[in-house]
Amino acid sequence: AVVESLVLVAMLTLVVSHRLLNHMRLLAPEKSARFTPLRWAESFYSIAPVIMTRVLKFIGIDEDPLLLIIYFMAEGVDPNVNRERLLSPWVKAVNSQVLDGIE
């Protein structure tokens, strides 16, 4: 279900991006050829959070920073407390340097 959801979100993002690109090309036909796919992808990626905020506001979901904190506290903490990670020695060293004021 997760993979299917990610695929659907990717497809929806592609459709929205392509539709916006087509509208921009219609708005500025003299610059139509200069809206290259790579440049458009970078631009769309940069503005996607703003678009998402507007869509959420439009459907009645307000942006609440507390909601983000609650989400990250619930989802950001790894439930596998005792699992050894490949990068653990390096991450611990960097974290201890930051905590000691060395950076």
Foldseek 3Di string as FASTA:
>chain_A
DVVVVVVVVVVVLVVVLVVVLVVVCVVPVVCNVVCDPVVSVVVCVVCVVVVVQVVCVVVPHHDDVVVVVVVCVVPVDDPCVPDDDPCVVVVVVVVVCVVVVHD
